[in-house]
PDB file of N, CA and C in Angstrom:
ATOM      1  N   MET A   1       0.587  -1.274   0.054  1.00  0.00           N
ATOM      2  CA  MET A   1       0.043  -0.149  -0.187  1.00  0.00           C
ATOM      3  C   MET A   1       0.975   1.357   0.184  1.00  0.00           C
ATOM      4  N   ASN A   2       0.537   2.155  -0.717  1.00  0.00           N
ATOM      5  CA  ASN A   2       1.521   3.363  -0.964  1.00  0.00           C
ATOM      6  C   ASN A   2       0.766   4.354   0.159  1.00  0.00           C
ATOM      7  N   ARG A   3       1.656   5.411  -0.128  1.00  0.00           N
ATOM      8  CA  ARG A   3       1.090   6.457   0.964  1.00  0.00           C
ATOM      9  C   ARG A   3      -0.167   7.289   0.651  1.00  0.00           C
ATOM     10  N   LYS A   4      -0.529   7.283  -0.517  1.00  0.00           N
ATOM     11  CA  LYS A   4      -1.800   7.950  -0.912  1.00  0.00           C
ATOM     12  C   LYS A   4      -2.732   7.092  -0.503  1.00  0.00           C
ATOM     13  N   GLN A   5      -2.713   5.610  -0.764  1.00  0.00           N
ATOM     14  CA  GLN A   5      -3.472   4.901  -0.604  1.00  0.00           C
ATOM     15  C   GLN A   5      -4.074   5.012   0.795  1.00  0.00           C
ATOM     16  N   LYS A   6      -2.766   4.934   1.830  1.00  0.00           N
ATOM     17  CA  LYS A   6      -2.836   4.791   2.992  1.00  0.00           C
ATOM     18  C   LYS A   6      -3.573   6.116   3.778  1.00  0.00           C
ATOM     19  N   GLN A   7      -3.362   7.181   3.209  1.00  0.00           N
ATOM     20  CA  GLN A   7      -4.013   8.626   3.531  1.00  0.00           C
ATOM     21  C   GLN A   7      -5.539   8.373   2.965  1.00  0.00           C
ATOM     22  N   GLU A   8      -5.786   7.769   2.066  1.00  0.00           N
ATOM     23  CA  GLU A   8      -7.152   7.903   1.872  1.00  0.00           C
ATOM     24  C   GLU A   8      -8.145   6.826   2.845  1.00  0.00           C
ATOM     25  N   LEU A   9      -7.459   5.595   3.041  1.00  0.00           N
ATOM     26  CA  LEU A   9      -7.909   4.690   3.830  1.00  0.00           C
ATOM     27  C   LEU A   9      -8.104   5.199   5.454  1.00  0.00           C
ATOM     28  N   LYS A  10      -7.274   6.141   5.625  1.00  0.00           N
ATOM     29  CA  LYS A  10      -7.261   6.760   6.950  1.00  0.00           C
ATOM     30  C   LYS A  10      -8.532   7.804   7.070  1.00  0.00           C
ATOM     31  N   TYR A  11      -8.551   8.344   5.929  1.00  0.00           N
ATOM     32  CA  TYR A  11      -9.690   9.367   5.757  1.00  0.00           C
ATOM     33  C   TYR A  11     -10.940   8.531   5.831  1.00  0.00           C
ATOM     34  N   PHE A  12     -11.272   7.749   4.962  1.00  0.00           N
ATOM     35  CA  PHE A  12     -12.293   6.786   4.872  1.00  0.00           C
ATOM     36  C   PHE A  12     -12.852   6.230   6.555  1.00  0.00           C
ATOM     37  N   LEU A  13     -11.628   5.815   7.170  1.00  0.00           N
ATOM     38  CA  LEU A  13     -11.869   5.263   8.294  1.00  0.00           C
ATOM     39  C   LEU A  13     -12.473   6.380   9.481  1.00  0.00           C
ATOM     40  N   ARG A  14     -11.674   7.473   9.485  1.00  0.00           N
ATOM     41  CA  ARG A  14     -12.183   8.491  10.227  1.00  0.00           C
ATOM     42  C   ARG A  14     -13.371   9.010  10.207  1.00  0.00           C
ATOM     43  N   LYS A  15     -13.802   9.130   8.755  1.00  0.00           N
ATOM     44  CA  LYS A  15     -15.280   9.759   8.407  1.00  0.00           C
ATOM     45  C   LYS A  15     -16.245   8.628   9.070  1.00  0.00           C
ATOM     46  N   GLU A  16     -16.260   7.206   8.936  1.00  0.00           N
ATOM     47  CA  GLU A  16     -16.984   6.314   9.162  1.00  0.00           C
ATOM     48  C   GLU A  16     -17.055   5.924  10.534  1.00  0.00           C
ATOM     49  N   ILE A  17     -16.136   6.110  11.292  1.00  0.00           N
ATOM     50  CA  ILE A  17     -15.959   6.114  12.734  1.00  0.00           C
ATOM     51  C   ILE A  17     -16.700   7.207  13.156  1.00  0.00           C
ATOM     52  N   ALA A  18     -16.689   8.440  12.667  1.00  0.00           N
ATOM     53  CA  ALA A  18     -17.354   9.495  13.431  1.00  0.00           C
ATOM     54  C   ALA A  18     -18.815   9.569  13.080  1.00  0.00           C
ATOM     55  N   ARG A  19     -19.225   8.713  11.948  1.00  0.00           N
ATOM     56  CA  ARG A  19     -20.599   8.343  11.721  1.00  0.00           C
ATOM     57  C   ARG A  19     -21.181   7.513  12.310  1.00  0.00           C
ATOM     58  N   LEU A  20     -20.372   6.480  12.918  1.00  0.00           N
ATOM     59  CA  LEU A  20     -20.867   5.255  13.937  1.00  0.00           C
ATOM     60  C   LEU A  20     -20.981   6.014  15.114  1.00  0.00           C
ATOM     61  N   GLU A  21     -20.095   6.571  15.545  1.00  0.00           N
ATOM     62  CA  GLU A  21     -19.858   7.347  16.699  1.00  0.00           C
ATOM     63  C   GLU A  21     -21.453   8.312  16.916  1.00  0.00           C
ATOM     64  N   ASP A  22     -21.739   8.889  16.074  1.00  0.00           N
ATOM     65  CA  ASP A  22     -22.820   9.670  16.017  1.00  0.00           C
ATOM     66  C   ASP A  22     -23.956   8.945  16.281  1.00  0.00           C
ATOM     67  N   VAL A  23     -24.067   7.735  15.473  1.00  0.00           N
ATOM     68  CA  VAL A  23     -25.425   6.614  15.531  1.00  0.00           C
ATOM     69  C   VAL A  23     -25.443   6.050  17.077  1.00  0.00           C
ATOM     70  N   GLU A  24     -24.128   5.927  17.355  1.00  0.00           N
ATOM     71  CA  GLU A  24     -24.082   5.217  18.801  1.00  0.00           C
ATOM     72  C   GLU A  24     -24.452   6.273  19.814  1.00  0.00           C
ATOM     73  N   SER A  25     -24.172   7.390  19.750  1.00  0.00           N
ATOM     74  CA  SER A  25     -24.399   8.616  20.710  1.00  0.00           C
ATOM     75  C   SER A  25     -26.043   8.780  20.686  1.00  0.00           C
ATOM     76  N   GLN A  26     -26.548   8.580  19.453  1.00  0.00           N
ATOM     77  CA  GLN A  26     -28.091   8.847  19.377  1.00  0.00           C
ATOM     78  C   GLN A  26     -28.762   7.350  19.897  1.00  0.00           C
ATOM     79  N   SER A  27     -28.153   6.457  19.936  1.00  0.00           N
ATOM     80  CA  SER A  27     -28.768   4.944  20.336  1.00  0.00           C
ATOM     81  C   SER A  27     -29.573   4.988  21.425  1.00  0.00           C
ATOM     82  N   SER A  28     -29.194   5.838  22.572  1.00  0.00           N
ATOM     83  CA  SER A  28     -29.921   5.818  23.810  1.00  0.00           C
ATOM     84  C   SER A  28     -31.205   6.430  23.549  1.00  0.00           C
ATOM     85  N   GLU A  29     -31.671   6.926  22.471  1.00  0.00           N
ATOM     86  CA  GLU A  29     -33.012   7.722  22.036  1.00  0.00           C
ATOM     87  C   GLU A  29     -33.781   6.609  21.207  1.00  0.00           C
ATOM     88  N   ILE A  30     -33.149   5.644  20.823  1.00  0.00           N
ATOM     89  CA  ILE A  30     -33.613   4.494  19.964  1.00  0.00           C
ATOM     90  C   ILE A  30     -34.004   3.196  20.563  1.00  0.00           C
ATOM     91  N   PRO A  31     -35.288   2.841  20.486  1.00  0.00           N
ATOM     92  CA  PRO A  31     -35.548   1.804  21.495  1.00  0.00           C
ATOM     93  C   PRO A  31     -34.919   0.567  21.420  1.00  0.00           C
ATOM     94  N   PHE A  32     -33.928   0.094  20.718  1.00  0.00           N
ATOM     95  CA  PHE A  32     -33.172  -1.108  20.668  1.00  0.00           C
ATOM     96  C   PHE A  32     -31.715  -0.671  20.578  1.00  0.00           C
ATOM     97  N   GLY A  33     -31.457   0.462  20.655  1.00  0.00           N
ATOM     98  CA  GLY A  33     -30.049   1.086  20.505  1.00  0.00           C
ATOM     99  C   GLY A  33     -29.128   0.768  19.162  1.00  0.00           C
ATOM    100  N   MET A  34     -27.933   0.715  19.187  1.00  0.00           N
ATOM    101  CA  MET A  34     -27.340   0.520  18.259  1.00  0.00           C
ATOM    102  C   MET A  34     -27.283  -0.861  17.480  1.00  0.00           C
ATOM    103  N   ASP A  35     -27.397  -0.904  16.345  1.00  0.00           N
ATOM    104  CA  ASP A  35     -27.555  -2.125  15.606  1.00  0.00           C
ATOM    105  C   ASP A  35     -26.262  -2.955  15.951  1.00  0.00           C
ATOM    106  N   ILE A  36     -26.035  -4.125  16.218  1.00  0.00           N
ATOM    107  CA  ILE A  36     -25.010  -5.112  16.303  1.00  0.00           C
ATOM    108  C   ILE A  36     -24.099  -4.996  15.420  1.00  0.00           C
ATOM    109  N   LYS A  37     -24.465  -5.042  14.250  1.00  0.00           N
ATOM    110  CA  LYS A  37     -23.539  -4.942  12.994  1.00  0.00           C
ATOM    111  C   LYS A  37     -22.583  -3.486  12.779  1.00  0.00           C
ATOM    112  N   ASP A  38     -23.685  -2.736  13.299  1.00  0.00           N
ATOM    113  CA  ASP A  38     -22.977  -1.229  13.344  1.00  0.00           C
ATOM    114  C   ASP A  38     -21.827  -0.969  14.468  1.00  0.00           C
ATOM    115  N   ALA A  39     -22.077  -1.588  15.767  1.00  0.00           N
ATOM    116  CA  ALA A  39     -21.167  -1.552  16.723  1.00  0.00           C
ATOM    117  C   ALA A  39     -19.814  -2.597  16.312  1.00  0.00           C
ATOM    118  N   ARG A  40     -20.297  -3.540  15.763  1.00  0.00           N
ATOM    119  CA  ARG A  40     -18.969  -4.168  15.308  1.00  0.00           C
ATOM    120  C   ARG A  40     -18.010  -3.773  14.296  1.00  0.00           C
ATOM    121  N   MET A  41     -18.704  -2.947  13.291  1.00  0.00           N
ATOM    122  CA  MET A  41     -18.270  -2.213  12.230  1.00  0.00           C
ATOM    123  C   MET A  41     -17.391  -1.174  12.973  1.00  0.00           C
ATOM    124  N   LEU A  42     -17.942  -0.291  13.856  1.00  0.00           N
ATOM    125  CA  LEU A  42     -17.279   0.681  14.647  1.00  0.00           C
ATOM    126  C   LEU A  42     -15.904   0.241  15.223  1.00  0.00           C
ATOM    127  N   GLN A  43     -16.192  -1.063  15.978  1.00  0.00           N
ATOM    128  CA  GLN A  43     -14.877  -1.706  16.652  1.00  0.00           C
ATOM    129  C   GLN A  43     -14.026  -1.864  15.636  1.00  0.00           C
ATOM    130  N   ALA A  44     -14.232  -2.628  14.278  1.00  0.00           N
ATOM    131  CA  ALA A  44     -13.389  -2.706  13.402  1.00  0.00           C
ATOM    132  C   ALA A  44     -12.610  -1.907  12.980  1.00  0.00           C
ATOM    133  N   TYR A  45     -13.458  -0.623  12.374  1.00  0.00           N
ATOM    134  CA  TYR A  45     -12.722   0.711  12.096  1.00  0.00           C
ATOM    135  C   TYR A  45     -11.562   1.284  13.025  1.00  0.00           C
ATOM    136  N   ARG A  46     -12.288   1.223  14.337  1.00  0.00           N
ATOM    137  CA  ARG A  46     -11.197   1.594  15.272  1.00  0.00           C
ATOM    138  C   ARG A  46      -9.909   0.957  15.384  1.00  0.00           C
ATOM    139  N   ILE A  47     -10.184  -0.187  15.307  1.00  0.00           N
ATOM    140  CA  ILE A  47      -8.875  -1.372  15.211  1.00  0.00           C
ATOM    141  C   ILE A  47      -7.905  -1.035  13.889  1.00  0.00           C
ATOM    142  N   ALA A  48      -8.364  -0.918  12.601  1.00  0.00           N
ATOM    143  CA  ALA A  48      -7.917  -0.925  11.813  1.00  0.00           C
ATOM    144  C   ALA A  48      -7.166   0.480  11.537  1.00  0.00           C
ATOM    145  N   LEU A  49      -7.953   1.349  12.188  1.00  0.00           N
ATOM    146  CA  LEU A  49      -7.461   3.033  12.160  1.00  0.00           C
ATOM    147  C   LEU A  49      -5.984   2.844  13.017  1.00  0.00           C
ATOM    148  N   ALA A  50      -6.280   2.357  14.426  1.00  0.00           N
ATOM    149  CA  ALA A  50      -4.898   2.208  15.227  1.00  0.00           C
ATOM    150  C   ALA A  50      -3.843   1.519  14.508  1.00  0.00           C
ATOM    151  N   ALA A  51      -4.099   0.503  13.816  1.00  0.00           N
ATOM    152  CA  ALA A  51      -2.910  -0.202  12.847  1.00  0.00           C
ATOM    153  C   ALA A  51      -2.517   0.753  12.108  1.00  0.00           C
ATOM    154  N   LEU A  52      -2.956   1.191  11.235  1.00  0.00           N
ATOM    155  CA  LEU A  52      -2.440   2.255  10.059  1.00  0.00           C
ATOM    156  C   LEU A  52      -1.681   3.519  10.821  1.00  0.00           C
ATOM    157  N   GLN A  53      -2.165   3.905  12.154  1.00  0.00           N
ATOM    158  CA  GLN A  53      -1.544   4.852  12.620  1.00  0.00           C
ATOM    159  C   GLN A  53      -0.075   4.341  13.677  1.00  0.00           C
ATOM    160  N   ARG A  54      -0.164   3.128  13.622  1.00  0.00           N
ATOM    161  CA  ARG A  54       1.171   2.447  14.432  1.00  0.00           C
ATOM    162  C   ARG A  54       2.445   3.044  13.720  1.00  0.00           C
ATOM    163  N   LYS A  55       3.481   3.381  14.425  1.00  0.00           N
ATOM    164  CA  LYS A  55       4.630   3.565  13.509  1.00  0.00           C
ATOM    165  C   LYS A  55       5.261   2.159  13.411  1.00  0.00           C
ATOM    166  N   ALA A  56       5.903   1.967  12.352  1.00  0.00           N
ATOM    167  CA  ALA A  56       6.528   0.779  12.003  1.00  0.00           C
ATOM    168  C   ALA A  56       7.714   0.561  12.832  1.00  0.00           C
ATOM    169  N   PRO A  57       8.056  -0.572  13.088  1.00  0.00           N
ATOM    170  CA  PRO A  57       9.168  -0.908  13.970  1.00  0.00           C
ATOM    171  C   PRO A  57      10.508  -0.727  13.501  1.00  0.00           C
ATOM    172  N   ASP A  58      11.491  -0.396  13.738  1.00  0.00           N
ATOM    173  CA  ASP A  58      12.834   0.145  13.246  1.00  0.00           C
ATOM    174  C   ASP A  58      13.365  -1.579  13.137  1.00  0.00           C
ATOM    175  N   ILE A  59      14.175  -2.006  12.000  1.00  0.00           N
ATOM    176  CA  ILE A  59      14.559  -3.111  11.611  1.00  0.00           C
ATOM    177  C   ILE A  59      16.014  -2.541  11.307  1.00  0.00           C
ATOM    178  N   ASN A  60      17.018  -3.545  11.653  1.00  0.00           N
ATOM    179  CA  ASN A  60      18.315  -3.502  11.023  1.00  0.00           C
ATOM    180  C   ASN A  60      18.756  -3.861   9.609  1.00  0.00           C
ATOM    181  N   PRO A  61      19.845  -3.370   9.346  1.00  0.00           N
ATOM    182  CA  PRO A  61      19.981  -3.640   7.622  1.00  0.00           C
ATOM    183  C   PRO A  61      20.019  -5.037   7.284  1.00  0.00           C
ATOM    184  N   ARG A  62      20.203  -6.022   8.456  1.00  0.00           N
ATOM    185  CA  ARG A  62      20.031  -7.793   7.855  1.00  0.00           C
ATOM    186  C   ARG A  62      18.692  -8.076   7.841  1.00  0.00           C
ATOM    187  N   GLN A  63      17.810  -7.480   8.736  1.00  0.00           N
ATOM    188  CA  GLN A  63      16.169  -7.820   8.380  1.00  0.00           C
ATOM    189  C   GLN A  63      15.699  -7.330   7.340  1.00  0.00           C
ATOM    190  N   GLN A  64      15.957  -6.052   6.921  1.00  0.00           N
ATOM    191  CA  GLN A  64      15.788  -5.329   5.817  1.00  0.00           C
ATOM    192  C   GLN A  64      15.912  -6.248   4.533  1.00  0.00           C
ATOM    193  N   GLU A  65      17.149  -6.477   4.550  1.00  0.00           N
ATOM    194  CA  GLU A  65      17.879  -7.406   3.464  1.00  0.00           C
ATOM    195  C   GLU A  65      16.982  -8.648   3.378  1.00  0.00           C
ATOM    196  N   GLU A  66      16.797  -9.351   4.395  1.00  0.00           N
ATOM    197  CA  GLU A  66      16.035 -10.629   4.334  1.00  0.00           C
ATOM    198  C   GLU A  66      14.861 -10.482   3.948  1.00  0.00           C
ATOM    199  N   GLN A  67      14.086  -9.241   4.265  1.00  0.00           N
ATOM    200  CA  GLN A  67      12.532  -9.145   4.258  1.00  0.00           C
ATOM    201  C   GLN A  67      12.577  -8.665   2.536  1.00  0.00           C
ATOM    202  N   GLU A  68      13.517  -7.984   1.718  1.00  0.00           N
ATOM    203  CA  GLU A  68      13.318  -7.667   0.630  1.00  0.00           C
ATOM    204  C   GLU A  68      13.923  -8.969  -0.467  1.00  0.00           C
ATOM    205  N   GLN A  69      14.713  -9.826   0.145  1.00  0.00           N
ATOM    206  CA  GLN A  69      14.943 -11.275  -0.530  1.00  0.00           C
ATOM    207  C   GLN A  69      13.431 -12.046  -0.667  1.00  0.00           C
ATOM    208  N   HIS A  70      12.890 -12.012   0.585  1.00  0.00           N
ATOM    209  CA  HIS A  70      11.541 -12.917   0.784  1.00  0.00           C
ATOM    210  C   HIS A  70      10.452 -12.232  -0.206  1.00  0.00           C
ATOM    211  N   LYS A  71      10.505 -10.908  -0.278  1.00  0.00           N
ATOM    212  CA  LYS A  71       9.387 -10.095  -0.972  1.00  0.00           C
ATOM    213  C   LYS A  71       9.689 -10.474  -2.659  1.00  0.00           C
ATOM    214  N   GLY A  72      11.029 -10.486  -2.893  1.00  0.00           N
ATOM    215  CA  GLY A  72      11.307 -10.695  -4.450  1.00  0.00           C
ATOM    216  C   GLY A  72      10.689 -12.488  -4.716  1.00  0.00           C
ATOM    217  N   GLY A  73      10.882 -13.016  -3.851  1.00  0.00           N
ATOM    218  CA  GLY A  73      10.844 -14.551  -4.111  1.00  0.00           C
ATOM    219  C   GLY A  73       9.187 -14.834  -4.424  1.00  0.00           C
ATOM    220  N   ASN A  74       8.354 -13.640  -3.762  1.00  0.00           N
ATOM    221  CA  ASN A  74       7.050 -14.371  -3.770  1.00  0.00           C
ATOM    222  C   ASN A  74       6.506 -13.553  -5.228  1.00  0.00           C
ATOM    223  N   GLN A  75       7.292 -12.800  -5.915  1.00  0.00           N
ATOM    224  CA  GLN A  75       6.529 -12.080  -7.043  1.00  0.00           C
ATOM    225  C   GLN A  75       6.656 -12.945  -8.308  1.00  0.00           C
TER     226      GLN A  75
END
């Protein structure tokens, strides 16, 4: 995933999280509350956004070389 795709995905996730949080905040006014599907989507979107925002771990040059060799073998 390139940087632009990552930024677009983050934007989408933030927008959907805000929408679902709005639904969640209004669920006390609705007799049956928030739909279970929406609640699960909100949880999944939050997890996905957190994963995208996580800083990649630093790797040493040998690990990087091994990753590049492994990546090249899978293409």
